[in-house]
Amino acid sequence: MTPNTPSSITLSWYDYTIFVGTLVSSTLIGIYYGCFGTKQGTTREYLMGGTTMKIIPIAISVAVSHISGTMLLGTASEVFRYGGSVWLTVVALTVMGFLTNFVYLPVFYKLRLKNIYDYLEQRFDKKTRTLAIVFYMITEILLFPVHAYSPS
């Protein structure tokens, strides 16, 4: 058997069907909620779901929004190269998830905070909030090339 070369790997009709189906369904959901769904009148309604959402959906939303292509591609190559010790990451993420769910999110929910920066301003002062934002921006600027380059 000859190894797969880039010219010999092709997608079949069901690959294209799933791809097009995903794009169409995502587009239709966006059009429906953009034209017919309920509108959020304030930033608080948009970010907090009108405060009608429970802690679990908010936690899942936050977690999923931070999973990047770098993590998806990196995890597979990490397991291939170093073996199954990646399960230790799963243990750490599980502990972190429980802490976030039962310690941090309830505080944010009770105080009706939109983000960590609002908490830092309430707990400390505006300088601390600004410093945290600057550090976050520097981190994101430095990570952008990694996230752009690694999938390629």
N, C-alpha and C. Protein backbone atom coordinates (compact mmCIF):
# COMPACT_ATOMS: atom_id res chain seq x y z
N MET A 1 0.85 -1.18 0.00
CA MET A 1 0.00 0.00 0.00
C MET A 1 0.89 1.24 0.00
N THR A 2 0.56 2.18 -0.84
CA THR A 2 1.36 3.41 -0.92
C THR A 2 0.83 4.42 0.10
N PRO A 3 1.74 5.21 0.64
CA PRO A 3 1.28 6.21 1.61
C PRO A 3 0.44 7.29 0.93
N ASN A 4 -0.43 7.89 1.73
CA ASN A 4 -1.27 8.95 1.20
C ASN A 4 -0.43 10.21 0.96
N THR A 5 -0.47 10.67 -0.24
CA THR A 5 0.18 11.93 -0.57
C THR A 5 -0.89 12.99 -0.68
N PRO A 6 -0.53 14.25 -0.56
CA PRO A 6 -1.55 15.29 -0.63
C PRO A 6 -2.40 15.23 -1.89
N SER A 7 -1.84 14.77 -3.00
CA SER A 7 -2.62 14.71 -4.24
C SER A 7 -3.58 13.53 -4.26
N SER A 8 -3.34 12.51 -3.41
CA SER A 8 -4.21 11.34 -3.43
C SER A 8 -5.33 11.40 -2.39
N ILE A 9 -5.30 12.39 -1.49
CA ILE A 9 -6.33 12.53 -0.48
C ILE A 9 -7.44 13.43 -1.02
N THR A 10 -8.64 12.89 -1.08
CA THR A 10 -9.78 13.68 -1.55
C THR A 10 -10.95 13.51 -0.59
N LEU A 11 -11.86 14.45 -0.67
CA LEU A 11 -13.07 14.38 0.14
C LEU A 11 -14.16 13.67 -0.66
N SER A 12 -14.99 12.93 0.03
CA SER A 12 -16.08 12.23 -0.65
C SER A 12 -17.35 13.08 -0.56
N TRP A 13 -18.42 12.57 -1.16
CA TRP A 13 -19.67 13.32 -1.21
C TRP A 13 -20.25 13.55 0.18
N TYR A 14 -20.07 12.59 1.10
CA TYR A 14 -20.65 12.81 2.44
C TYR A 14 -19.83 13.81 3.24
N ASP A 15 -18.53 13.94 2.96
CA ASP A 15 -17.75 15.00 3.60
C ASP A 15 -18.27 16.37 3.18
N TYR A 16 -18.49 16.52 1.87
CA TYR A 16 -19.03 17.79 1.37
C TYR A 16 -20.44 18.04 1.90
N THR A 17 -21.26 16.99 2.01
CA THR A 17 -22.62 17.14 2.52
C THR A 17 -22.61 17.64 3.97
N ILE A 18 -21.77 17.05 4.79
CA ILE A 18 -21.68 17.48 6.18
C ILE A 18 -21.17 18.91 6.26
N PHE A 19 -20.16 19.25 5.48
CA PHE A 19 -19.59 20.59 5.49
C PHE A 19 -20.62 21.63 5.06
N VAL A 20 -21.29 21.38 3.95
CA VAL A 20 -22.31 22.31 3.46
C VAL A 20 -23.50 22.37 4.44
N GLY A 21 -23.90 21.23 4.99
CA GLY A 21 -25.00 21.21 5.96
C GLY A 21 -24.68 22.05 7.19
N THR A 22 -23.45 21.96 7.67
CA THR A 22 -23.04 22.76 8.83
C THR A 22 -23.08 24.25 8.49
N LEU A 23 -22.55 24.62 7.34
CA LEU A 23 -22.56 26.03 6.94
C LEU A 23 -23.99 26.56 6.77
N VAL A 24 -24.84 25.79 6.13
CA VAL A 24 -26.22 26.22 5.90
C VAL A 24 -26.98 26.36 7.22
N SER A 25 -26.84 25.36 8.10
CA SER A 25 -27.56 25.43 9.38
C SER A 25 -27.06 26.60 10.22
N SER A 26 -25.78 26.85 10.25
CA SER A 26 -25.24 27.99 11.00
C SER A 26 -25.76 29.30 10.42
N THR A 27 -25.80 29.40 9.11
CA THR A 27 -26.31 30.61 8.47
C THR A 27 -27.78 30.82 8.78
N LEU A 28 -28.58 29.75 8.68
CA LEU A 28 -30.02 29.88 8.95
C LEU A 28 -30.29 30.25 10.41
N ILE A 29 -29.53 29.70 11.34
CA ILE A 29 -29.69 30.06 12.75
C ILE A 29 -29.38 31.54 12.94
N GLY A 30 -28.30 32.00 12.35
CA GLY A 30 -27.94 33.42 12.45
C GLY A 30 -28.99 34.33 11.85
N ILE A 31 -29.53 33.97 10.68
CA ILE A 31 -30.57 34.78 10.04
C ILE A 31 -31.84 34.79 10.89
N TYR A 32 -32.21 33.62 11.43
CA TYR A 32 -33.43 33.55 12.24
C TYR A 32 -33.31 34.45 13.46
N TYR A 33 -32.23 34.31 14.22
CA TYR A 33 -32.10 35.11 15.44
C TYR A 33 -31.82 36.58 15.13
N GLY A 34 -31.22 36.86 13.98
CA GLY A 34 -30.98 38.24 13.59
C GLY A 34 -32.25 38.95 13.16
N CYS A 35 -33.16 38.24 12.51
CA CYS A 35 -34.38 38.87 11.98
C CYS A 35 -35.61 38.67 12.86
N PHE A 36 -35.75 37.48 13.44
CA PHE A 36 -36.99 37.16 14.15
C PHE A 36 -36.82 36.93 15.65
N GLY A 37 -35.60 36.71 16.10
CA GLY A 37 -35.37 36.40 17.51
C GLY A 37 -35.54 37.64 18.38
N THR A 38 -35.49 37.41 19.68
CA THR A 38 -35.61 38.54 20.60
C THR A 38 -34.35 39.36 20.56
N LYS A 39 -34.51 40.63 20.67
CA LYS A 39 -33.38 41.55 20.61
C LYS A 39 -32.92 41.88 22.03
N GLN A 40 -31.62 42.03 22.18
CA GLN A 40 -31.08 42.47 23.45
C GLN A 40 -31.01 43.99 23.40
N GLY A 41 -31.61 44.62 24.40
CA GLY A 41 -31.65 46.08 24.42
C GLY A 41 -30.44 46.71 25.07
N THR A 42 -29.79 45.99 25.99
CA THR A 42 -28.66 46.56 26.71
C THR A 42 -27.48 45.59 26.66
N THR A 43 -26.33 46.12 27.04
CA THR A 43 -25.14 45.28 27.11
C THR A 43 -25.33 44.17 28.14
N ARG A 44 -25.95 44.51 29.25
CA ARG A 44 -26.18 43.52 30.31
C ARG A 44 -27.05 42.36 29.79
N GLU A 45 -28.08 42.67 29.02
CA GLU A 45 -28.93 41.61 28.45
C GLU A 45 -28.13 40.73 27.49
N TYR A 46 -27.26 41.36 26.70
CA TYR A 46 -26.47 40.60 25.73
C TYR A 46 -25.45 39.72 26.43
N LEU A 47 -24.69 40.28 27.36
CA LEU A 47 -23.62 39.53 28.01
C LEU A 47 -24.11 38.57 29.08
N MET A 48 -25.19 38.92 29.76
CA MET A 48 -25.66 38.11 30.88
C MET A 48 -26.89 37.29 30.52
N GLY A 49 -27.34 37.33 29.29
CA GLY A 49 -28.52 36.57 28.89
C GLY A 49 -29.77 37.04 29.61
N GLY A 50 -29.84 38.34 29.92
CA GLY A 50 -30.99 38.87 30.64
C GLY A 50 -31.06 38.34 32.07
N THR A 51 -29.96 37.79 32.57
CA THR A 51 -29.83 37.17 33.90
C THR A 51 -30.84 36.03 34.11
N THR A 52 -31.31 35.43 33.03
CA THR A 52 -32.21 34.29 33.16
C THR A 52 -31.47 32.97 33.00
N MET A 53 -30.22 33.04 32.54
CA MET A 53 -29.44 31.82 32.34
C MET A 53 -28.87 31.34 33.66
N LYS A 54 -28.74 30.03 33.78
CA LYS A 54 -28.15 29.43 34.97
C LYS A 54 -26.63 29.38 34.82
N ILE A 55 -25.96 28.94 35.86
CA ILE A 55 -24.50 28.96 35.89
C ILE A 55 -23.89 27.98 34.88
N ILE A 56 -24.46 26.79 34.73
CA ILE A 56 -23.86 25.77 33.86
C ILE A 56 -23.79 26.23 32.40
N PRO A 57 -24.86 26.75 31.78
CA PRO A 57 -24.73 27.20 30.38
C PRO A 57 -23.73 28.34 30.22
N ILE A 58 -23.64 29.21 31.20
CA ILE A 58 -22.66 30.30 31.11
C ILE A 58 -21.25 29.73 31.17
N ALA A 59 -21.03 28.78 32.06
CA ALA A 59 -19.70 28.16 32.19
C ALA A 59 -19.31 27.43 30.91
N ILE A 60 -20.25 26.71 30.32
CA ILE A 60 -19.96 25.99 29.08
C ILE A 60 -19.63 26.98 27.97
N SER A 61 -20.38 28.07 27.89
CA SER A 61 -20.13 29.08 26.88
C SER A 61 -18.74 29.68 27.01
N VAL A 62 -18.36 30.00 28.22
CA VAL A 62 -17.03 30.58 28.44
C VAL A 62 -15.94 29.57 28.09
N ALA A 63 -16.11 28.33 28.50
CA ALA A 63 -15.09 27.31 28.22
C ALA A 63 -14.94 27.07 26.73
N VAL A 64 -16.05 26.94 26.03
CA VAL A 64 -16.00 26.65 24.60
C VAL A 64 -15.42 27.82 23.82
N SER A 65 -15.67 29.03 24.27
CA SER A 65 -15.15 30.18 23.54
C SER A 65 -13.63 30.29 23.63
N HIS A 66 -13.01 29.58 24.59
CA HIS A 66 -11.57 29.65 24.72
C HIS A 66 -10.84 28.46 24.10
N ILE A 67 -11.57 27.53 23.52
CA ILE A 67 -10.93 26.41 22.84
C ILE A 67 -10.57 26.89 21.44
N SER A 68 -9.30 26.87 21.14
CA SER A 68 -8.84 27.39 19.86
C SER A 68 -8.40 26.27 18.94
N GLY A 69 -8.17 26.63 17.70
CA GLY A 69 -7.63 25.68 16.74
C GLY A 69 -6.27 25.18 17.16
N THR A 70 -5.52 26.05 17.83
CA THR A 70 -4.21 25.65 18.33
C THR A 70 -4.33 24.52 19.33
N MET A 71 -5.31 24.62 20.21
CA MET A 71 -5.49 23.56 21.21
C MET A 71 -5.96 22.27 20.55
N LEU A 72 -6.89 22.39 19.61
CA LEU A 72 -7.40 21.19 18.95
C LEU A 72 -6.31 20.47 18.17
N LEU A 73 -5.49 21.24 17.45
CA LEU A 73 -4.40 20.61 16.69
C LEU A 73 -3.25 20.20 17.60
N GLY A 74 -2.96 21.01 18.59
CA GLY A 74 -1.84 20.74 19.47
C GLY A 74 -2.04 19.51 20.33
N THR A 75 -3.27 19.27 20.78
CA THR A 75 -3.53 18.12 21.63
C THR A 75 -3.26 16.81 20.88
N ALA A 76 -3.71 16.74 19.65
CA ALA A 76 -3.49 15.52 18.86
C ALA A 76 -1.99 15.28 18.63
N SER A 77 -1.26 16.31 18.30
CA SER A 77 0.18 16.13 18.07
C SER A 77 0.91 15.85 19.38
N GLU A 78 0.44 16.42 20.48
CA GLU A 78 1.04 16.15 21.80
C GLU A 78 0.89 14.68 22.17
N VAL A 79 -0.30 14.12 21.98
CA VAL A 79 -0.53 12.71 22.29
C VAL A 79 0.31 11.83 21.36
N PHE A 80 0.38 12.18 20.10
CA PHE A 80 1.16 11.39 19.15
C PHE A 80 2.64 11.38 19.54
N ARG A 81 3.15 12.54 19.92
CA ARG A 81 4.59 12.63 20.21
C ARG A 81 4.96 12.11 21.59
N TYR A 82 4.18 12.44 22.62
CA TYR A 82 4.58 12.14 23.98
C TYR A 82 3.75 11.05 24.66
N GLY A 83 2.71 10.58 24.00
CA GLY A 83 1.92 9.51 24.58
C GLY A 83 0.72 10.01 25.36
N GLY A 84 0.14 9.10 26.12
CA GLY A 84 -1.13 9.37 26.78
C GLY A 84 -1.06 10.17 28.06
N SER A 85 0.09 10.76 28.38
CA SER A 85 0.17 11.53 29.62
C SER A 85 -0.67 12.80 29.57
N VAL A 86 -1.29 13.05 28.44
CA VAL A 86 -2.16 14.22 28.33
C VAL A 86 -3.38 14.09 29.24
N TRP A 87 -3.65 12.89 29.74
CA TRP A 87 -4.79 12.70 30.66
C TRP A 87 -4.62 13.54 31.92
N LEU A 88 -3.38 13.87 32.30
CA LEU A 88 -3.16 14.73 33.46
C LEU A 88 -3.75 16.12 33.23
N THR A 89 -3.74 16.57 32.00
CA THR A 89 -4.36 17.84 31.66
C THR A 89 -5.86 17.76 31.88
N VAL A 90 -6.44 16.64 31.52
CA VAL A 90 -7.88 16.45 31.71
C VAL A 90 -8.24 16.52 33.20
N VAL A 91 -7.41 15.92 34.04
CA VAL A 91 -7.64 15.97 35.48
C VAL A 91 -7.57 17.41 35.97
N ALA A 92 -6.54 18.14 35.56
CA ALA A 92 -6.39 19.54 35.98
C ALA A 92 -7.55 20.40 35.48
N LEU A 93 -7.97 20.18 34.24
CA LEU A 93 -9.09 20.96 33.70
C LEU A 93 -10.39 20.63 34.42
N THR A 94 -10.56 19.40 34.84
CA THR A 94 -11.77 19.02 35.59
C THR A 94 -11.81 19.72 36.94
N VAL A 95 -10.69 19.71 37.64
CA VAL A 95 -10.61 20.42 38.93
C VAL A 95 -10.87 21.91 38.72
N MET A 96 -10.25 22.49 37.69
CA MET A 96 -10.45 23.90 37.40
C MET A 96 -11.92 24.19 37.06
N GLY A 97 -12.55 23.29 36.34
CA GLY A 97 -13.96 23.47 36.01
C GLY A 97 -14.85 23.50 37.23
N PHE A 98 -14.60 22.58 38.17
CA PHE A 98 -15.39 22.57 39.40
C PHE A 98 -15.16 23.84 40.22
N LEU A 99 -13.91 24.26 40.32
CA LEU A 99 -13.62 25.49 41.06
C LEU A 99 -14.31 26.69 40.42
N THR A 100 -14.22 26.77 39.11
CA THR A 100 -14.87 27.88 38.41
C THR A 100 -16.37 27.85 38.61
N ASN A 101 -16.94 26.66 38.49
CA ASN A 101 -18.39 26.50 38.59
C ASN A 101 -18.93 26.81 39.97
N PHE A 102 -18.24 26.35 40.99
CA PHE A 102 -18.80 26.44 42.33
C PHE A 102 -18.18 27.52 43.21
N VAL A 103 -17.09 28.14 42.76
CA VAL A 103 -16.47 29.21 43.55
C VAL A 103 -16.58 30.56 42.85
N TYR A 104 -16.08 30.64 41.62
CA TYR A 104 -15.99 31.93 40.95
C TYR A 104 -17.30 32.39 40.32
N LEU A 105 -17.92 31.55 39.54
CA LEU A 105 -19.13 31.97 38.84
C LEU A 105 -20.27 32.39 39.77
N PRO A 106 -20.51 31.71 40.88
CA PRO A 106 -21.57 32.20 41.77
C PRO A 106 -21.33 33.62 42.29
N VAL A 107 -20.06 33.96 42.53
CA VAL A 107 -19.73 35.32 42.97
C VAL A 107 -20.05 36.31 41.86
N PHE A 108 -19.63 36.00 40.65
CA PHE A 108 -19.90 36.89 39.51
C PHE A 108 -21.40 37.03 39.29
N TYR A 109 -22.11 35.93 39.42
CA TYR A 109 -23.55 35.93 39.17
C TYR A 109 -24.28 36.77 40.21
N LYS A 110 -23.91 36.63 41.49
CA LYS A 110 -24.56 37.40 42.55
C LYS A 110 -24.28 38.89 42.43
N LEU A 111 -23.03 39.22 42.07
CA LEU A 111 -22.66 40.63 41.94
C LEU A 111 -23.08 41.22 40.59
N ARG A 112 -23.61 40.39 39.70
CA ARG A 112 -24.04 40.79 38.36
C ARG A 112 -22.92 41.48 37.58
N LEU A 113 -21.76 40.85 37.62
CA LEU A 113 -20.59 41.38 36.92
C LEU A 113 -20.54 40.85 35.50
N LYS A 114 -20.06 41.67 34.60
CA LYS A 114 -19.95 41.26 33.20
C LYS A 114 -18.64 40.56 32.90
N ASN A 115 -17.58 40.92 33.63
CA ASN A 115 -16.28 40.31 33.38
C ASN A 115 -15.38 40.46 34.60
N ILE A 116 -14.20 39.87 34.52
CA ILE A 116 -13.26 39.90 35.64
C ILE A 116 -12.78 41.32 35.91
N TYR A 117 -12.74 42.14 34.89
CA TYR A 117 -12.25 43.50 35.06
C TYR A 117 -13.19 44.34 35.93
N ASP A 118 -14.49 44.11 35.80
CA ASP A 118 -15.44 44.78 36.69
C ASP A 118 -15.20 44.37 38.14
N TYR A 119 -14.91 43.09 38.35
CA TYR A 119 -14.62 42.62 39.71
C TYR A 119 -13.36 43.28 40.26
N LEU A 120 -12.32 43.34 39.44
CA LEU A 120 -11.07 43.96 39.89
C LEU A 120 -11.27 45.43 40.26
N GLU A 121 -12.11 46.11 39.49
CA GLU A 121 -12.38 47.52 39.80
C GLU A 121 -13.16 47.65 41.11
N GLN A 122 -14.14 46.78 41.32
CA GLN A 122 -14.91 46.82 42.57
C GLN A 122 -14.04 46.43 43.76
N ARG A 123 -13.22 45.42 43.60
CA ARG A 123 -12.43 44.89 44.72
C ARG A 123 -11.24 45.78 45.04
N PHE A 124 -10.59 46.32 44.00
CA PHE A 124 -9.40 47.14 44.22
C PHE A 124 -9.66 48.57 43.76
N ASP A 125 -9.22 48.91 42.55
CA ASP A 125 -9.46 50.25 42.02
C ASP A 125 -9.32 50.23 40.50
N LYS A 126 -9.51 51.40 39.90
CA LYS A 126 -9.48 51.48 38.44
C LYS A 126 -8.07 51.22 37.90
N LYS A 127 -7.03 51.55 38.64
CA LYS A 127 -5.65 51.29 38.19
C LYS A 127 -5.40 49.80 38.05
N THR A 128 -5.88 49.02 38.99
CA THR A 128 -5.70 47.57 38.92
C THR A 128 -6.44 47.01 37.72
N ARG A 129 -7.64 47.50 37.47
CA ARG A 129 -8.41 47.06 36.31
C ARG A 129 -7.65 47.38 35.03
N THR A 130 -7.13 48.60 34.92
CA THR A 130 -6.40 49.02 33.72
C THR A 130 -5.14 48.19 33.54
N LEU A 131 -4.41 47.91 34.62
CA LEU A 131 -3.20 47.10 34.54
C LEU A 131 -3.52 45.69 34.04
N ALA A 132 -4.60 45.11 34.55
CA ALA A 132 -5.00 43.76 34.11
C ALA A 132 -5.37 43.77 32.63
N ILE A 133 -6.06 44.81 32.18
CA ILE A 133 -6.43 44.90 30.76
C ILE A 133 -5.19 45.02 29.89
N VAL A 134 -4.22 45.83 30.32
CA VAL A 134 -2.98 46.00 29.55
C VAL A 134 -2.23 44.67 29.45
N PHE A 135 -2.12 43.95 30.58
CA PHE A 135 -1.44 42.64 30.55
C PHE A 135 -2.17 41.66 29.64
N TYR A 136 -3.50 41.66 29.68
CA TYR A 136 -4.27 40.78 28.80
C TYR A 136 -4.03 41.12 27.34
N MET A 137 -4.03 42.41 27.02
CA MET A 137 -3.80 42.82 25.63
C MET A 137 -2.41 42.43 25.15
N ILE A 138 -1.40 42.58 26.00
CA ILE A 138 -0.04 42.18 25.63
C ILE A 138 0.01 40.68 25.38
N THR A 139 -0.62 39.91 26.26
CA THR A 139 -0.65 38.46 26.09
C THR A 139 -1.31 38.08 24.77
N GLU A 140 -2.44 38.68 24.47
CA GLU A 140 -3.15 38.35 23.22
C GLU A 140 -2.35 38.76 21.99
N ILE A 141 -1.69 39.90 22.05
CA ILE A 141 -0.87 40.35 20.92
C ILE A 141 0.29 39.38 20.69
N LEU A 142 0.91 38.92 21.77
CA LEU A 142 2.02 37.98 21.63
C LEU A 142 1.56 36.58 21.20
N LEU A 143 0.34 36.20 21.57
CA LEU A 143 -0.16 34.87 21.18
C LEU A 143 -0.76 34.84 19.77
N PHE A 144 -1.12 36.00 19.24
CA PHE A 144 -1.75 36.01 17.92
C PHE A 144 -0.91 35.34 16.84
N PRO A 145 0.39 35.62 16.73
CA PRO A 145 1.17 34.91 15.71
C PRO A 145 1.19 33.40 15.91
N VAL A 146 1.20 32.95 17.17
CA VAL A 146 1.20 31.51 17.43
C VAL A 146 -0.11 30.90 16.93
N HIS A 147 -1.24 31.54 17.26
CA HIS A 147 -2.54 31.03 16.83
C HIS A 147 -2.70 31.09 15.32
N ALA A 148 -2.11 32.08 14.68
CA ALA A 148 -2.23 32.19 13.23
C ALA A 148 -1.31 31.19 12.52
N TYR A 149 -0.13 30.97 13.07
CA TYR A 149 0.85 30.13 12.40
C TYR A 149 0.63 28.63 12.63
N SER A 150 0.23 28.25 13.83
CA SER A 150 0.19 26.82 14.15
C SER A 150 -0.79 26.01 13.29
N PRO A 151 -1.98 26.50 12.95
CA PRO A 151 -2.82 25.68 12.06
C PRO A 151 -2.24 25.53 10.65
N SER A 152 -1.42 26.47 10.24
CA SER A 152 -0.82 26.36 8.90
C SER A 152 0.37 25.44 8.96
